Structures are given as structure tokens and as C-alpha cells.
Amino acid sequence: MSRPSNRASDPSRDAFAEAERRIASWQKGTPLDLVIEGLKQIPDSIDQLSELTELRLARRDDFGSPFGATQVIDLSPLQGLTALQSLNCGYTQVIDLSPLQGLTALQSLDCGYTQVIDLSPLQGLTALQSLDCSYTQVIDLSPLQGLTALQSLNCGYTQVIDLSPLQGLTALQS
């Protein structure tokens, strides 16, 4: 007679396995939702999704309030996702946006409510139309100067004092 295991389930391991399942079953043309409680790391297998255009690591309701987020810190597995147009990594533990540097198709980035400080990795993302970096540690908006497609910017509740880097952004509406 076999005895039941006394080992409790590891939420982080279970979350990672669920993320791998979702990546493996992803269908072209659909968003990939990795909003999984306990997820701390994005599986490297995501790099196989070269046609992925939308990735969610967090969700907001119709009023902008979070109702799901991961504990992901490292965005490095996303480096090769050059078709990615929309990334929601708000309400995560993300600090460093440098893995996004080569994602030139990125049009929408929500990194609000994270520990992000430096926006300079976004400098070459000329397709970026919407950026939410509210409730972060951001101080300097000068990396956004050349982002002429930027239409919407939320930098509320940051340490930003100088808005002059935004002067030449004629598409900026809000």
C-alpha cells in the first residue's frame, strides 16, 4: 500500500509548469496570458513564440485596478520576441527594462506599479504609442525624447519633475 506524500505542493513550481503549458498551447493571433499566481520566472520556452504580439503578466479591471499579477522580476526571456506589440508587466517585481531594447514592434507597455527606475532601454522603441510607468521610481523622461509615435504617457506618482523632454512629441495626447 502506497503512502500519500507529505510534501506540500510548491506554488512557484506549479506556476512555472502552468506557464509552460500555456506557452506550449498558445495559438497564433491570440494574447498569451501568463497571469499565474506564484509565477516568479518566465519560462525560456517563450522564445519559441516568434509571432507573439501580446503578453500579459498582469491584468487590470475596467477601472484600472489590478486583479492579477505575477512575481516576475526578469524579462530576459522576452528578448527575442520581436513581433511583440503589447506587454503588460505592471504590478510585477520588474526592475530592469533592458531586455525590451530590441523589441521595435512594441506599441504598448504597461510597467506601472513596478520598481522600474530607468527608461533608457526604451529609447529605440519608435513604434511605442502608449506607456504607463506610473507608481515607479522613474525620475528622467529624456529617454522618451525620440519616441515620436508616443500618444499616451502615464507617469503619475513618480519622481519626475522635468517634463521638457516631452516637448517635441507632437503625437502625445495624454
N, C-alpha and C. Protein backbone atom coordinates (compact mmCIF):
# COMPACT_ATOMS: atom_id res chain seq x y z
N MET A 1 0.84 -1.17 0.00
CA MET A 1 0.00 0.00 0.00
C MET A 1 0.89 1.23 0.00
N SER A 2 0.66 2.14 -0.93
CA SER A 2 1.50 3.34 -1.00
C SER A 2 0.98 4.39 -0.03
N ARG A 3 1.94 5.13 0.51
CA ARG A 3 1.59 6.19 1.45
C ARG A 3 1.45 7.50 0.70
N PRO A 4 0.51 8.35 1.10
CA PRO A 4 0.40 9.66 0.48
C PRO A 4 1.65 10.49 0.78
N SER A 5 2.02 11.29 -0.13
CA SER A 5 3.19 12.14 0.03
C SER A 5 2.91 13.22 1.07
N ASN A 6 3.90 13.46 1.91
CA ASN A 6 3.80 14.53 2.90
C ASN A 6 4.28 15.86 2.34
N ARG A 7 4.84 15.82 1.14
CA ARG A 7 5.37 17.05 0.54
C ARG A 7 4.23 17.94 0.08
N ALA A 8 4.29 19.17 0.52
CA ALA A 8 3.29 20.14 0.07
C ALA A 8 3.66 20.58 -1.35
N SER A 9 2.68 20.96 -2.07
CA SER A 9 2.90 21.45 -3.43
C SER A 9 3.68 22.77 -3.38
N ASP A 10 4.62 22.95 -4.29
CA ASP A 10 5.40 24.18 -4.37
C ASP A 10 4.69 25.12 -5.34
N PRO A 11 4.08 26.21 -4.84
CA PRO A 11 3.32 27.11 -5.70
C PRO A 11 4.14 27.69 -6.85
N SER A 12 5.41 27.99 -6.59
CA SER A 12 6.26 28.55 -7.63
C SER A 12 6.51 27.54 -8.74
N ARG A 13 6.77 26.29 -8.37
CA ARG A 13 7.00 25.23 -9.35
C ARG A 13 5.72 24.94 -10.13
N ASP A 14 4.60 24.92 -9.42
CA ASP A 14 3.31 24.68 -10.08
C ASP A 14 2.99 25.81 -11.05
N ALA A 15 3.27 27.04 -10.66
CA ALA A 15 3.02 28.20 -11.52
C ALA A 15 3.89 28.15 -12.76
N PHE A 16 5.15 27.77 -12.60
CA PHE A 16 6.07 27.66 -13.73
C PHE A 16 5.59 26.58 -14.70
N ALA A 17 5.15 25.46 -14.16
CA ALA A 17 4.64 24.37 -15.01
C ALA A 17 3.39 24.82 -15.76
N GLU A 18 2.53 25.57 -15.10
CA GLU A 18 1.33 26.09 -15.77
C GLU A 18 1.72 27.06 -16.88
N ALA A 19 2.71 27.91 -16.63
CA ALA A 19 3.20 28.84 -17.66
C ALA A 19 3.73 28.07 -18.86
N GLU A 20 4.47 27.02 -18.61
CA GLU A 20 4.98 26.20 -19.72
C GLU A 20 3.84 25.57 -20.51
N ARG A 21 2.80 25.13 -19.82
CA ARG A 21 1.63 24.56 -20.52
C ARG A 21 0.95 25.61 -21.40
N ARG A 22 0.80 26.81 -20.86
CA ARG A 22 0.15 27.88 -21.63
C ARG A 22 0.99 28.28 -22.84
N ILE A 23 2.29 28.30 -22.69
CA ILE A 23 3.17 28.61 -23.81
C ILE A 23 3.07 27.54 -24.88
N ALA A 24 3.07 26.28 -24.46
CA ALA A 24 3.01 25.16 -25.40
C ALA A 24 1.68 25.12 -26.16
N SER A 25 0.62 25.60 -25.54
CA SER A 25 -0.70 25.54 -26.19
C SER A 25 -1.12 26.87 -26.83
N TRP A 26 -0.22 27.87 -26.82
CA TRP A 26 -0.55 29.17 -27.39
C TRP A 26 -0.87 29.04 -28.88
N GLN A 27 -1.87 29.79 -29.32
CA GLN A 27 -2.26 29.78 -30.73
C GLN A 27 -2.00 31.16 -31.33
N LYS A 28 -1.41 31.15 -32.51
CA LYS A 28 -1.08 32.39 -33.22
C LYS A 28 -2.30 33.30 -33.31
N GLY A 29 -2.07 34.59 -33.11
CA GLY A 29 -3.14 35.57 -33.22
C GLY A 29 -3.89 35.81 -31.92
N THR A 30 -3.52 35.11 -30.86
CA THR A 30 -4.18 35.30 -29.57
C THR A 30 -3.18 35.83 -28.55
N PRO A 31 -3.66 36.57 -27.56
CA PRO A 31 -2.75 37.03 -26.50
C PRO A 31 -2.29 35.84 -25.66
N LEU A 32 -1.13 35.96 -25.05
CA LEU A 32 -0.66 34.95 -24.11
C LEU A 32 -0.82 35.52 -22.71
N ASP A 33 -1.61 34.85 -21.92
CA ASP A 33 -1.89 35.27 -20.55
C ASP A 33 -1.06 34.41 -19.60
N LEU A 34 -0.05 35.03 -19.01
CA LEU A 34 0.76 34.33 -18.00
C LEU A 34 0.52 34.91 -16.61
N VAL A 35 -0.68 35.41 -16.40
CA VAL A 35 -1.06 35.91 -15.07
C VAL A 35 -1.40 34.68 -14.23
N ILE A 36 -0.37 34.20 -13.55
CA ILE A 36 -0.48 32.97 -12.77
C ILE A 36 0.07 33.26 -11.38
N GLU A 37 -0.76 33.09 -10.38
CA GLU A 37 -0.33 33.35 -9.02
C GLU A 37 0.89 32.51 -8.67
N GLY A 38 1.91 33.16 -8.17
CA GLY A 38 3.13 32.46 -7.76
C GLY A 38 4.20 32.38 -8.84
N LEU A 39 3.89 32.83 -10.07
CA LEU A 39 4.88 32.77 -11.14
C LEU A 39 5.99 33.78 -10.88
N LYS A 40 7.22 33.28 -10.76
CA LYS A 40 8.35 34.14 -10.48
C LYS A 40 9.30 34.25 -11.67
N GLN A 41 9.19 33.33 -12.60
CA GLN A 41 10.11 33.29 -13.73
C GLN A 41 9.36 32.94 -15.00
N ILE A 42 9.66 33.67 -16.07
CA ILE A 42 9.08 33.36 -17.37
C ILE A 42 9.88 32.21 -17.98
N PRO A 43 9.22 31.14 -18.38
CA PRO A 43 9.96 30.02 -18.98
C PRO A 43 10.69 30.44 -20.25
N ASP A 44 11.90 29.93 -20.43
CA ASP A 44 12.68 30.23 -21.63
C ASP A 44 11.99 29.74 -22.89
N SER A 45 11.09 28.78 -22.76
CA SER A 45 10.38 28.25 -23.93
C SER A 45 9.55 29.32 -24.64
N ILE A 46 9.35 30.46 -23.99
CA ILE A 46 8.58 31.54 -24.62
C ILE A 46 9.28 32.05 -25.87
N ASP A 47 10.59 31.86 -25.96
CA ASP A 47 11.32 32.36 -27.12
C ASP A 47 10.93 31.64 -28.42
N GLN A 48 10.20 30.55 -28.31
CA GLN A 48 9.71 29.83 -29.49
C GLN A 48 8.50 30.53 -30.12
N LEU A 49 7.91 31.48 -29.41
CA LEU A 49 6.70 32.15 -29.88
C LEU A 49 7.07 33.42 -30.65
N SER A 50 7.76 33.24 -31.76
CA SER A 50 8.28 34.38 -32.51
C SER A 50 7.18 35.27 -33.08
N GLU A 51 5.95 34.78 -33.16
CA GLU A 51 4.85 35.58 -33.71
C GLU A 51 3.92 36.14 -32.63
N LEU A 52 4.31 35.99 -31.37
CA LEU A 52 3.50 36.50 -30.26
C LEU A 52 3.45 38.03 -30.32
N THR A 53 2.25 38.58 -30.27
CA THR A 53 2.10 40.04 -30.32
C THR A 53 1.62 40.65 -29.00
N GLU A 54 1.03 39.85 -28.13
CA GLU A 54 0.52 40.40 -26.86
C GLU A 54 0.80 39.44 -25.72
N LEU A 55 1.43 39.98 -24.67
CA LEU A 55 1.75 39.18 -23.49
C LEU A 55 1.27 39.91 -22.24
N ARG A 56 0.58 39.16 -21.39
CA ARG A 56 0.09 39.72 -20.13
C ARG A 56 0.73 38.99 -18.95
N LEU A 57 1.41 39.78 -18.12
CA LEU A 57 1.92 39.27 -16.86
C LEU A 57 1.11 39.84 -15.70
N ALA A 58 0.15 40.70 -16.05
CA ALA A 58 -0.75 41.31 -15.07
C ALA A 58 -2.04 41.67 -15.78
N ARG A 59 -3.10 41.84 -15.02
CA ARG A 59 -4.40 42.23 -15.57
C ARG A 59 -4.98 43.34 -14.72
N ARG A 60 -5.73 44.22 -15.38
CA ARG A 60 -6.48 45.27 -14.67
C ARG A 60 -7.95 45.14 -15.05
N ASP A 61 -8.81 45.55 -14.14
CA ASP A 61 -10.23 45.56 -14.44
C ASP A 61 -10.58 46.81 -15.24
N ASP A 62 -11.85 47.00 -15.51
CA ASP A 62 -12.29 48.15 -16.32
C ASP A 62 -12.00 49.50 -15.67
N PHE A 63 -11.72 49.49 -14.38
CA PHE A 63 -11.45 50.72 -13.65
C PHE A 63 -9.95 50.95 -13.44
N GLY A 64 -9.12 50.05 -14.00
CA GLY A 64 -7.67 50.18 -13.89
C GLY A 64 -7.07 49.54 -12.66
N SER A 65 -7.89 48.88 -11.86
CA SER A 65 -7.38 48.24 -10.65
C SER A 65 -6.87 46.83 -10.98
N PRO A 66 -5.77 46.43 -10.32
CA PRO A 66 -5.23 45.10 -10.61
C PRO A 66 -6.12 44.01 -10.06
N PHE A 67 -6.23 42.92 -10.81
CA PHE A 67 -6.90 41.76 -10.25
C PHE A 67 -6.11 40.50 -10.57
N GLY A 68 -4.86 40.67 -10.83
CA GLY A 68 -3.98 39.55 -11.06
C GLY A 68 -2.63 40.03 -11.52
N ALA A 69 -1.58 39.45 -10.96
CA ALA A 69 -0.23 39.78 -11.37
C ALA A 69 0.70 38.65 -10.95
N THR A 70 1.85 38.64 -11.57
CA THR A 70 2.86 37.64 -11.24
C THR A 70 3.91 38.27 -10.34
N GLN A 71 4.88 37.47 -9.96
CA GLN A 71 6.01 37.97 -9.17
C GLN A 71 7.27 38.01 -10.02
N VAL A 72 7.10 38.04 -11.33
CA VAL A 72 8.23 38.03 -12.25
C VAL A 72 9.13 39.25 -12.04
N ILE A 73 10.43 39.01 -12.06
CA ILE A 73 11.44 40.06 -11.92
C ILE A 73 12.17 40.26 -13.24
N ASP A 74 12.51 39.16 -13.90
CA ASP A 74 13.40 39.18 -15.06
C ASP A 74 12.64 39.02 -16.38
N LEU A 75 12.79 40.01 -17.25
CA LEU A 75 12.15 39.96 -18.57
C LEU A 75 13.06 39.41 -19.66
N SER A 76 14.24 38.93 -19.30
CA SER A 76 15.21 38.44 -20.29
C SER A 76 14.65 37.41 -21.27
N PRO A 77 13.78 36.50 -20.84
CA PRO A 77 13.26 35.53 -21.81
C PRO A 77 12.48 36.16 -22.97
N LEU A 78 12.13 37.44 -22.85
CA LEU A 78 11.35 38.11 -23.90
C LEU A 78 12.22 38.73 -24.99
N GLN A 79 13.52 38.72 -24.83
CA GLN A 79 14.44 39.42 -25.73
C GLN A 79 14.24 39.10 -27.21
N GLY A 80 13.89 37.89 -27.55
CA GLY A 80 13.77 37.51 -28.95
C GLY A 80 12.38 37.67 -29.53
N LEU A 81 11.44 38.20 -28.76
CA LEU A 81 10.05 38.30 -29.22
C LEU A 81 9.85 39.59 -30.02
N THR A 82 10.45 39.65 -31.19
CA THR A 82 10.48 40.88 -31.97
C THR A 82 9.13 41.28 -32.56
N ALA A 83 8.15 40.39 -32.55
CA ALA A 83 6.81 40.73 -33.04
C ALA A 83 5.93 41.29 -31.92
N LEU A 84 6.42 41.26 -30.69
CA LEU A 84 5.61 41.69 -29.54
C LEU A 84 5.20 43.15 -29.68
N GLN A 85 3.90 43.40 -29.62
CA GLN A 85 3.36 44.74 -29.75
C GLN A 85 2.82 45.29 -28.43
N SER A 86 2.41 44.40 -27.53
CA SER A 86 1.81 44.83 -26.28
C SER A 86 2.32 43.97 -25.13
N LEU A 87 2.81 44.64 -24.08
CA LEU A 87 3.31 43.94 -22.90
C LEU A 87 2.76 44.61 -21.66
N ASN A 88 2.09 43.83 -20.84
CA ASN A 88 1.64 44.31 -19.54
C ASN A 88 2.46 43.58 -18.49
N CYS A 89 3.41 44.30 -17.91
CA CYS A 89 4.20 43.75 -16.81
C CYS A 89 4.03 44.62 -15.56
N GLY A 90 2.94 45.39 -15.53
CA GLY A 90 2.63 46.19 -14.36
C GLY A 90 2.33 45.31 -13.16
N TYR A 91 2.51 45.85 -12.00
CA TYR A 91 2.22 45.14 -10.74
C TYR A 91 3.08 43.90 -10.56
N THR A 92 4.21 43.83 -11.25
CA THR A 92 5.15 42.72 -11.06
C THR A 92 6.34 43.23 -10.26
N GLN A 93 7.36 42.43 -10.16
CA GLN A 93 8.57 42.81 -9.44
C GLN A 93 9.67 43.30 -10.39
N VAL A 94 9.32 43.61 -11.63
CA VAL A 94 10.28 44.01 -12.65
C VAL A 94 11.00 45.30 -12.24
N ILE A 95 12.31 45.30 -12.47
CA ILE A 95 13.16 46.45 -12.19
C ILE A 95 13.81 46.95 -13.48
N ASP A 96 14.26 46.01 -14.32
CA ASP A 96 15.09 46.31 -15.48
C ASP A 96 14.34 46.08 -16.78
N LEU A 97 14.24 47.14 -17.59
CA LEU A 97 13.57 47.03 -18.88
C LEU A 97 14.53 46.75 -20.04
N SER A 98 15.82 46.61 -19.77
CA SER A 98 16.79 46.43 -20.84
C SER A 98 16.52 45.22 -21.74
N PRO A 99 15.90 44.15 -21.27
CA PRO A 99 15.58 43.06 -22.20
C PRO A 99 14.61 43.46 -23.31
N LEU A 100 13.96 44.62 -23.18
CA LEU A 100 12.99 45.06 -24.18
C LEU A 100 13.65 45.89 -25.28
N GLN A 101 14.92 46.20 -25.18
CA GLN A 101 15.60 47.11 -26.10
C GLN A 101 15.40 46.77 -27.57
N GLY A 102 15.41 45.53 -27.95
CA GLY A 102 15.31 45.17 -29.36
C GLY A 102 13.90 44.92 -29.85
N LEU A 103 12.91 45.15 -29.01
CA LEU A 103 11.53 44.84 -29.37
C LEU A 103 10.90 46.04 -30.08
N THR A 104 11.35 46.29 -31.29
CA THR A 104 10.99 47.51 -32.01
C THR A 104 9.53 47.55 -32.49
N ALA A 105 8.82 46.44 -32.41
CA ALA A 105 7.40 46.44 -32.78
C ALA A 105 6.51 46.83 -31.59
N LEU A 106 7.11 46.96 -30.40
CA LEU A 106 6.34 47.24 -29.19
C LEU A 106 5.60 48.57 -29.31
N GLN A 107 4.28 48.52 -29.16
CA GLN A 107 3.43 49.70 -29.26
C GLN A 107 2.85 50.11 -27.91
N SER A 108 2.68 49.16 -27.02
CA SER A 108 2.06 49.43 -25.72
C SER A 108 2.83 48.73 -24.62
N LEU A 109 3.23 49.49 -23.61
CA LEU A 109 3.96 48.93 -22.47
C LEU A 109 3.36 49.47 -21.19
N ASP A 110 2.93 48.56 -20.34
CA ASP A 110 2.46 48.91 -19.00
C ASP A 110 3.46 48.33 -18.02
N CYS A 111 4.25 49.21 -17.42
CA CYS A 111 5.18 48.79 -16.38
C CYS A 111 4.90 49.59 -15.10
N GLY A 112 3.67 50.04 -14.96
CA GLY A 112 3.28 50.78 -13.77
C GLY A 112 3.28 49.88 -12.54
N TYR A 113 3.47 50.50 -11.39
CA TYR A 113 3.48 49.78 -10.11
C TYR A 113 4.58 48.72 -10.07
N THR A 114 5.74 49.04 -10.65
CA THR A 114 6.90 48.17 -10.57
C THR A 114 8.03 48.94 -9.92
N GLN A 115 9.21 48.35 -9.90
CA GLN A 115 10.38 49.00 -9.32
C GLN A 115 11.27 49.62 -10.40
N VAL A 116 10.73 49.81 -11.59
CA VAL A 116 11.49 50.38 -12.70
C VAL A 116 11.98 51.79 -12.35
N ILE A 117 13.24 52.04 -12.68
CA ILE A 117 13.85 53.35 -12.43
C ILE A 117 14.24 54.00 -13.75
N ASP A 118 14.78 53.20 -14.67
CA ASP A 118 15.43 53.70 -15.87
C ASP A 118 14.63 53.37 -17.13
N LEU A 119 14.24 54.41 -17.87
CA LEU A 119 13.51 54.22 -19.12
C LEU A 119 14.43 54.21 -20.34
N SER A 120 15.73 54.35 -20.16
CA SER A 120 16.63 54.42 -21.31
C SER A 120 16.58 53.19 -22.21
N PRO A 121 16.25 51.99 -21.72
CA PRO A 121 16.13 50.86 -22.65
C PRO A 121 15.02 51.05 -23.70
N LEU A 122 14.13 52.02 -23.49
CA LEU A 122 13.02 52.24 -24.42
C LEU A 122 13.39 53.21 -25.54
N GLN A 123 14.56 53.80 -25.50
CA GLN A 123 14.96 54.84 -26.45
C GLN A 123 14.74 54.48 -27.91
N GLY A 124 15.03 53.28 -28.32
CA GLY A 124 14.92 52.91 -29.73
C GLY A 124 13.58 52.34 -30.13
N LEU A 125 12.64 52.33 -29.22
CA LEU A 125 11.33 51.71 -29.49
C LEU A 125 10.39 52.74 -30.13
N THR A 126 10.68 53.08 -31.37
CA THR A 126 9.99 54.18 -32.05
C THR A 126 8.53 53.88 -32.39
N ALA A 127 8.09 52.63 -32.28
CA ALA A 127 6.69 52.29 -32.53
C ALA A 127 5.84 52.47 -31.27
N LEU A 128 6.48 52.73 -30.13
CA LEU A 128 5.77 52.82 -28.85
C LEU A 128 4.75 53.96 -28.88
N GLN A 129 3.49 53.62 -28.66
CA GLN A 129 2.39 54.59 -28.68
C GLN A 129 1.83 54.86 -27.29
N SER A 130 1.94 53.88 -26.40
CA SER A 130 1.35 54.00 -25.07
C SER A 130 2.33 53.46 -24.02
N LEU A 131 2.58 54.27 -23.01
CA LEU A 131 3.49 53.88 -21.93
C LEU A 131 2.88 54.27 -20.60
N ASP A 132 2.75 53.29 -19.72
CA ASP A 132 2.32 53.55 -18.34
C ASP A 132 3.49 53.19 -17.44
N CYS A 133 4.11 54.20 -16.86
CA CYS A 133 5.19 53.97 -15.89
C CYS A 133 4.83 54.63 -14.57
N SER A 134 3.53 54.72 -14.30
CA SER A 134 3.06 55.34 -13.06
C SER A 134 3.45 54.49 -11.85
N TYR A 135 3.58 55.16 -10.72
CA TYR A 135 3.91 54.49 -9.46
C TYR A 135 5.21 53.68 -9.57
N THR A 136 6.20 54.25 -10.28
CA THR A 136 7.52 53.63 -10.36
C THR A 136 8.53 54.58 -9.74
N GLN A 137 9.80 54.23 -9.85
CA GLN A 137 10.88 55.06 -9.33
C GLN A 137 11.49 55.94 -10.42
N VAL A 138 10.82 56.06 -11.55
CA VAL A 138 11.32 56.83 -12.68
C VAL A 138 11.49 58.30 -12.29
N ILE A 139 12.63 58.87 -12.72
CA ILE A 139 12.94 60.27 -12.45
C ILE A 139 13.07 61.05 -13.76
N ASP A 140 13.64 60.40 -14.78
CA ASP A 140 14.06 61.07 -16.01
C ASP A 140 13.26 60.59 -17.22
N LEU A 141 12.60 61.51 -17.91
CA LEU A 141 11.84 61.18 -19.12
C LEU A 141 12.63 61.44 -20.40
N SER A 142 13.87 61.90 -20.30
CA SER A 142 14.64 62.22 -21.50
C SER A 142 14.83 61.03 -22.44
N PRO A 143 14.84 59.78 -21.96
CA PRO A 143 14.94 58.66 -22.91
C PRO A 143 13.76 58.58 -23.87
N LEU A 144 12.67 59.27 -23.58
CA LEU A 144 11.48 59.21 -24.42
C LEU A 144 11.49 60.26 -25.53
N GLN A 145 12.48 61.12 -25.55
CA GLN A 145 12.52 62.25 -26.49
C GLN A 145 12.31 61.86 -27.95
N GLY A 146 12.86 60.77 -28.39
CA GLY A 146 12.77 60.39 -29.80
C GLY A 146 11.59 59.51 -30.15
N LEU A 147 10.72 59.26 -29.19
CA LEU A 147 9.58 58.35 -29.42
C LEU A 147 8.40 59.13 -29.99
N THR A 148 8.51 59.50 -31.24
CA THR A 148 7.54 60.40 -31.88
C THR A 148 6.16 59.77 -32.08
N ALA A 149 6.04 58.46 -31.96
CA ALA A 149 4.73 57.82 -32.09
C ALA A 149 3.96 57.82 -30.76
N LEU A 150 4.64 58.19 -29.67
CA LEU A 150 4.02 58.14 -28.34
C LEU A 150 2.80 59.05 -28.27
N GLN A 151 1.65 58.46 -27.98
CA GLN A 151 0.38 59.18 -27.90
C GLN A 151 -0.12 59.31 -26.47
N SER A 152 0.21 58.32 -25.64
CA SER A 152 -0.31 58.29 -24.28
C SER A 152 0.82 57.94 -23.31
N LEU A 153 0.98 58.77 -22.27
CA LEU A 153 2.01 58.56 -21.26
C LEU A 153 1.40 58.81 -19.89
N ASN A 154 1.52 57.81 -19.04
CA ASN A 154 1.12 57.98 -17.64
C ASN A 154 2.37 57.85 -16.80
N CYS A 155 2.82 58.97 -16.25
CA CYS A 155 3.99 58.96 -15.37
C CYS A 155 3.62 59.56 -14.02
N GLY A 156 2.36 59.40 -13.67
CA GLY A 156 1.90 59.91 -12.39
C GLY A 156 2.51 59.16 -11.22
N TYR A 157 2.65 59.83 -10.12
CA TYR A 157 3.17 59.26 -8.89
C TYR A 157 4.57 58.66 -9.08
N THR A 158 5.39 59.39 -9.83
CA THR A 158 6.80 59.06 -9.99
C THR A 158 7.61 60.21 -9.40
N GLN A 159 8.91 60.17 -9.60
CA GLN A 159 9.79 61.24 -9.12
C GLN A 159 10.08 62.26 -10.23
N VAL A 160 9.34 62.17 -11.34
CA VAL A 160 9.57 63.06 -12.48
C VAL A 160 9.21 64.49 -12.10
N ILE A 161 10.12 65.40 -12.40
CA ILE A 161 9.91 66.83 -12.17
C ILE A 161 9.90 67.58 -13.49
N ASP A 162 10.80 67.18 -14.39
CA ASP A 162 11.01 67.89 -15.65
C ASP A 162 10.27 67.21 -16.81
N LEU A 163 9.27 67.88 -17.34
CA LEU A 163 8.52 67.35 -18.48
C LEU A 163 9.02 67.89 -19.81
N SER A 164 10.05 68.72 -19.80
CA SER A 164 10.55 69.33 -21.04
C SER A 164 11.00 68.30 -22.08
N PRO A 165 11.48 67.09 -21.71
CA PRO A 165 11.85 66.13 -22.74
C PRO A 165 10.67 65.71 -23.64
N LEU A 166 9.46 66.02 -23.22
CA LEU A 166 8.27 65.63 -23.97
C LEU A 166 7.85 66.69 -24.99
N GLN A 167 8.49 67.82 -24.99
CA GLN A 167 8.06 68.95 -25.82
C GLN A 167 7.96 68.63 -27.31
N GLY A 168 8.85 67.84 -27.85
CA GLY A 168 8.85 67.55 -29.27
C GLY A 168 7.96 66.40 -29.68
N LEU A 169 7.27 65.81 -28.74
CA LEU A 169 6.42 64.64 -29.03
C LEU A 169 5.03 65.12 -29.45
N THR A 170 4.90 65.45 -30.70
CA THR A 170 3.66 66.07 -31.20
C THR A 170 2.47 65.11 -31.23
N ALA A 171 2.70 63.82 -31.22
CA ALA A 171 1.60 62.86 -31.20
C ALA A 171 1.02 62.67 -29.81
N LEU A 172 1.74 63.12 -28.79
CA LEU A 172 1.33 62.91 -27.39
C LEU A 172 0.03 63.64 -27.11
N GLN A 173 -0.97 62.86 -26.69
CA GLN A 173 -2.31 63.41 -26.44
C GLN A 173 -2.65 63.41 -24.95
N SER A 174 -2.14 62.44 -24.24
CA SER A 174 -2.45 62.36 -22.80
C SER A 174 -1.30 61.77 -22.04
